[in-house]
N, C-alpha and C. Protein backbone atom coordinates (compact mmCIF):
# COMPACT_ATOMS: atom_id res chain seq x y z
N UNK A 1 -6.17 -13.22 9.35
CA UNK A 1 -5.48 -12.03 8.39
C UNK A 1 -5.75 -10.74 9.24
N UNK A 2 -6.75 -10.61 9.59
CA UNK A 2 -7.05 -9.17 10.17
C UNK A 2 -6.12 -9.00 11.35
N UNK A 3 -5.78 -10.22 12.14
CA UNK A 3 -4.85 -9.91 13.34
C UNK A 3 -3.43 -9.52 12.82
N UNK A 4 -3.12 -10.13 11.48
CA UNK A 4 -1.66 -9.67 11.04
C UNK A 4 -1.90 -8.22 10.68
N UNK A 5 -2.97 -7.94 10.05
CA UNK A 5 -2.79 -6.34 9.72
C UNK A 5 -2.88 -5.42 10.68
N UNK A 6 -3.49 -5.91 12.00
CA UNK A 6 -3.67 -4.90 13.06
C UNK A 6 -2.21 -4.61 13.68
N UNK A 7 -1.40 -5.81 13.38
CA UNK A 7 0.08 -5.55 13.78
C UNK A 7 0.67 -4.22 13.52
N UNK A 8 0.29 -3.70 12.32
CA UNK A 8 0.84 -2.43 11.86
C UNK A 8 0.46 -1.40 12.78
N UNK A 9 -0.83 -1.22 13.47
CA UNK A 9 -1.36 -0.20 14.22
C UNK A 9 -0.86 -0.51 15.61
N UNK A 10 -0.25 -1.52 15.96
CA UNK A 10 0.00 -1.82 17.42
C UNK A 10 1.51 -1.67 17.68
N UNK A 11 2.20 -1.74 16.49
CA UNK A 11 3.85 -1.68 16.96
C UNK A 11 4.26 -0.24 16.85
N UNK A 12 4.85 0.41 17.74
CA UNK A 12 5.21 1.82 17.94
C UNK A 12 6.05 2.10 16.91
N UNK A 13 7.12 1.44 16.65
CA UNK A 13 8.07 1.94 15.50
C UNK A 13 7.39 1.93 14.32
N UNK A 14 6.61 1.05 13.97
CA UNK A 14 5.78 0.99 12.49
C UNK A 14 4.97 2.28 12.43
N UNK A 15 4.24 2.52 13.50
CA UNK A 15 3.21 3.53 13.55
C UNK A 15 4.27 4.97 13.22
N UNK A 16 5.45 5.10 13.99
CA UNK A 16 6.27 6.24 13.71
C UNK A 16 6.61 6.38 12.42
N UNK A 17 7.07 5.30 11.76
CA UNK A 17 7.64 5.46 10.28
C UNK A 17 6.27 5.69 9.32
N UNK A 18 5.00 5.13 9.84
CA UNK A 18 4.06 5.43 8.96
C UNK A 18 3.63 7.04 8.92
N UNK A 19 3.72 7.56 10.26
CA UNK A 19 3.22 8.92 10.48
C UNK A 19 4.38 9.83 9.78
N UNK A 20 5.68 9.45 9.80
CA UNK A 20 6.73 10.22 9.17
C UNK A 20 6.77 10.13 7.71
N UNK A 21 6.77 8.70 7.05
CA UNK A 21 6.96 8.70 5.69
C UNK A 21 5.85 8.84 4.80
N UNK A 22 4.79 8.29 5.17
CA UNK A 22 3.71 7.95 4.22
C UNK A 22 3.16 9.31 3.76
N UNK A 23 2.88 10.22 4.61
CA UNK A 23 2.28 11.47 3.99
C UNK A 23 3.42 12.16 2.76
N UNK A 24 4.68 11.95 2.96
CA UNK A 24 5.50 12.38 2.05
C UNK A 24 5.48 11.63 0.62
N UNK A 25 5.59 10.27 0.83
CA UNK A 25 5.42 9.30 -0.22
C UNK A 25 4.08 9.55 -0.95
N UNK A 26 3.01 9.83 -0.39
CA UNK A 26 1.61 9.97 -1.10
C UNK A 26 1.60 11.51 -1.75
N UNK A 27 2.40 12.49 -1.20
CA UNK A 27 2.66 13.63 -1.80
C UNK A 27 3.59 13.51 -3.06
N UNK A 28 4.41 12.75 -3.17
CA UNK A 28 5.36 12.51 -4.13
C UNK A 28 4.66 11.83 -5.32
N UNK A 29 3.92 10.84 -4.99
CA UNK A 29 2.90 10.29 -5.87
C UNK A 29 1.89 11.06 -6.60
N UNK A 30 1.22 11.96 -5.92
CA UNK A 30 0.44 13.00 -6.42
C UNK A 30 1.06 14.04 -7.48
N UNK A 31 2.61 14.20 -7.18
CA UNK A 31 3.15 15.24 -7.84
C UNK A 31 3.33 14.40 -9.01
N UNK A 32 3.93 13.29 -9.03
CA UNK A 32 4.39 12.29 -10.18
C UNK A 32 3.43 12.06 -11.24
N UNK A 33 1.94 12.00 -10.48
CA UNK A 33 0.85 11.82 -11.25
C UNK A 33 0.02 12.83 -11.73
N UNK A 34 0.54 14.11 -11.58
CA UNK A 34 -0.29 15.41 -11.87
C UNK A 34 0.35 15.85 -13.40
N UNK A 35 -0.63 16.46 -14.12
CA UNK A 35 -0.42 17.17 -15.16
C UNK A 35 -1.39 18.38 -15.60
N UNK A 36 -0.85 19.58 -15.73
CA UNK A 36 -1.62 20.75 -15.74
C UNK A 36 -2.60 20.95 -14.58
N UNK A 37 -1.80 20.52 -13.35
CA UNK A 37 -2.64 20.90 -12.03
C UNK A 37 -3.69 19.71 -11.64
N UNK A 38 -3.78 18.70 -12.53
CA UNK A 38 -4.94 17.80 -12.16
C UNK A 38 -4.12 16.57 -11.77
N UNK A 39 -4.63 15.83 -11.05
CA UNK A 39 -4.06 14.48 -10.63
C UNK A 39 -4.67 13.45 -11.53
N UNK A 40 -3.87 12.51 -11.94
CA UNK A 40 -4.15 11.59 -12.89
C UNK A 40 -4.63 10.33 -12.22
N UNK A 41 -5.15 9.27 -12.93
CA UNK A 41 -5.71 8.22 -12.37
C UNK A 41 -4.66 6.97 -11.81
N UNK A 42 -3.44 7.35 -12.36
CA UNK A 42 -2.43 6.47 -12.13
C UNK A 42 -1.77 6.70 -10.73
N UNK A 43 -2.16 7.75 -9.69
CA UNK A 43 -2.00 7.81 -8.60
C UNK A 43 -2.51 6.70 -7.51
N UNK A 44 -3.41 6.34 -8.05
CA UNK A 44 -4.23 5.06 -7.18
C UNK A 44 -3.03 3.96 -7.20
N UNK A 45 -2.58 3.52 -8.40
CA UNK A 45 -1.67 2.57 -8.63
C UNK A 45 -0.43 2.78 -7.89
N UNK A 46 0.04 4.00 -7.91
CA UNK A 46 1.26 4.52 -7.03
C UNK A 46 1.03 4.25 -5.48
N UNK A 47 -0.14 4.58 -5.15
CA UNK A 47 -0.53 4.70 -3.62
C UNK A 47 -0.56 3.15 -3.23
N UNK A 48 -1.01 2.39 -4.22
CA UNK A 48 -1.35 0.82 -3.97
C UNK A 48 0.23 0.21 -3.70
N UNK A 49 1.07 0.68 -4.69
CA UNK A 49 2.54 0.27 -4.55
C UNK A 49 3.10 0.65 -3.36
N UNK A 50 3.00 1.82 -2.89
CA UNK A 50 3.52 2.34 -1.50
C UNK A 50 3.09 1.46 -0.30
N UNK A 51 1.66 1.20 -0.45
CA UNK A 51 1.16 0.45 0.70
C UNK A 51 1.49 -1.28 0.64
N UNK A 52 1.84 -1.59 -0.47
CA UNK A 52 2.27 -2.97 -0.69
C UNK A 52 3.85 -2.97 -0.19
N UNK A 53 4.49 -2.12 -0.49
CA UNK A 53 5.87 -1.95 -0.03
C UNK A 53 5.74 -1.88 1.55
N UNK A 54 4.92 -1.22 2.20
CA UNK A 54 4.99 -1.22 3.87
C UNK A 54 4.50 -2.54 4.04
N UNK A 55 3.37 -3.37 3.36
CA UNK A 55 3.43 -4.81 3.92
C UNK A 55 4.69 -5.51 3.89
N UNK A 56 5.21 -5.47 2.74
CA UNK A 56 6.59 -6.17 2.72
C UNK A 56 7.31 -5.95 3.63
N UNK A 57 7.75 -4.61 4.05
CA UNK A 57 8.58 -4.13 5.05
C UNK A 57 8.28 -4.77 6.06
N UNK A 58 6.73 -4.52 6.64
CA UNK A 58 6.34 -5.10 8.02
C UNK A 58 6.47 -6.84 8.01
N UNK A 59 5.98 -7.50 6.94
CA UNK A 59 5.59 -9.01 7.20
C UNK A 59 6.66 -9.80 6.53
N UNK A 60 7.47 -9.08 5.57
CA UNK A 60 8.51 -9.76 4.73
C UNK A 60 7.86 -10.22 3.36
N UNK A 61 8.87 -10.43 2.52
CA UNK A 61 8.48 -10.81 1.26
C UNK A 61 7.84 -12.14 0.96
N UNK A 62 8.17 -13.11 1.85
CA UNK A 62 7.61 -14.49 1.69
C UNK A 62 6.34 -14.43 2.09
N UNK A 63 5.83 -13.58 2.89
CA UNK A 63 4.47 -13.68 3.30
C UNK A 63 3.46 -12.72 2.67
N UNK A 64 3.89 -11.89 1.62
CA UNK A 64 3.29 -10.85 0.95
C UNK A 64 3.38 -11.26 -0.67
N UNK A 65 2.35 -12.00 -1.18
CA UNK A 65 2.27 -12.55 -2.42
C UNK A 65 1.82 -11.18 -3.41
N UNK A 66 2.74 -10.84 -4.25
CA UNK A 66 2.34 -9.53 -5.16
C UNK A 66 2.10 -10.09 -6.63
N UNK A 67 2.51 -11.20 -7.08
CA UNK A 67 2.46 -11.76 -8.32
C UNK A 67 1.12 -12.30 -8.72
N UNK A 68 0.02 -11.46 -8.74
CA UNK A 68 -1.41 -11.88 -8.96
C UNK A 68 -1.91 -11.46 -10.38
N UNK A 69 -2.71 -12.50 -11.04
CA UNK A 69 -3.25 -11.72 -12.16
C UNK A 69 -3.83 -10.46 -12.08
N UNK A 70 -3.90 -9.62 -13.05
CA UNK A 70 -4.54 -8.45 -12.97
C UNK A 70 -6.07 -8.23 -13.27
N UNK A 71 -6.52 -9.63 -13.54
CA UNK A 71 -7.97 -9.88 -13.89
C UNK A 71 -8.57 -10.26 -12.61
N UNK A 72 -7.75 -10.44 -11.40
CA UNK A 72 -8.43 -10.97 -10.17
C UNK A 72 -9.25 -9.72 -9.64
N UNK A 73 -10.55 -9.84 -9.46
CA UNK A 73 -11.17 -8.84 -8.91
C UNK A 73 -10.92 -8.56 -7.23
N UNK A 74 -10.88 -7.23 -6.90
CA UNK A 74 -10.70 -7.19 -5.53
C UNK A 74 -9.82 -7.91 -4.85
N UNK A 75 -8.62 -7.89 -5.32
CA UNK A 75 -7.55 -8.54 -4.90
C UNK A 75 -6.31 -8.08 -5.37
N UNK A 76 -5.46 -7.17 -4.61
CA UNK A 76 -4.36 -6.58 -5.01
C UNK A 76 -3.14 -7.27 -4.60
N UNK A 77 -3.07 -7.97 -3.61
CA UNK A 77 -1.92 -8.70 -2.89
C UNK A 77 -2.71 -9.69 -1.92
N UNK A 78 -1.71 -10.74 -1.53
CA UNK A 78 -2.14 -11.72 -0.67
C UNK A 78 -1.32 -11.57 0.49
N UNK A 79 -1.62 -11.50 1.66
CA UNK A 79 -0.99 -11.38 2.77
C UNK A 79 -1.20 -12.80 3.66
N UNK A 80 -0.30 -13.61 3.86
CA UNK A 80 -0.30 -14.85 4.54
C UNK A 80 -1.35 -15.72 3.78
N UNK A 81 -1.23 -15.68 2.43
CA UNK A 81 -2.47 -16.46 1.58
C UNK A 81 -3.83 -15.81 1.66
N UNK A 82 -4.15 -14.85 2.40
CA UNK A 82 -5.24 -14.14 2.28
C UNK A 82 -5.40 -13.12 1.48
N UNK A 83 -6.32 -12.80 0.74
CA UNK A 83 -6.61 -11.69 -0.33
C UNK A 83 -6.68 -10.32 0.39
N UNK A 84 -6.03 -9.33 -0.16
CA UNK A 84 -6.22 -7.93 0.38
C UNK A 84 -6.43 -6.99 -0.76
N UNK A 85 -7.45 -6.34 -0.77
CA UNK A 85 -7.87 -5.11 -1.70
C UNK A 85 -7.47 -4.15 -0.98
N UNK A 86 -6.71 -3.19 -1.86
CA UNK A 86 -6.15 -2.00 -1.22
C UNK A 86 -6.91 -0.77 -2.05
N UNK A 87 -7.31 0.06 -1.28
CA UNK A 87 -8.14 1.44 -1.84
C UNK A 87 -7.38 2.69 -1.32
N UNK A 88 -7.23 3.64 -2.19
CA UNK A 88 -6.53 4.87 -1.60
C UNK A 88 -7.50 6.01 -2.13
N UNK A 89 -7.43 7.00 -1.26
CA UNK A 89 -8.31 8.38 -1.66
C UNK A 89 -7.19 9.52 -1.75
N UNK A 90 -7.49 10.33 -2.72
CA UNK A 90 -6.65 11.41 -3.00
C UNK A 90 -7.06 12.50 -2.45
């Protein structure tokens, strides 16, 4: 599974898209999650969705399982059947 994730950082085209688009998308997530100048907790969920979309873009919908029970600890998505936990920092 680690080898699959490392593909994101080895593919020049994907790296360029990440460098160009992710900062903007995370900025939009912060703006959408802000009230009275404070960023709300939902920004984490929005960031998670952004990163899951990147995984689907790179590896295809058939290899990224997103319909997981919310009660599953430390697992936000499965990539090629392996659990992945996504953490973001604002």
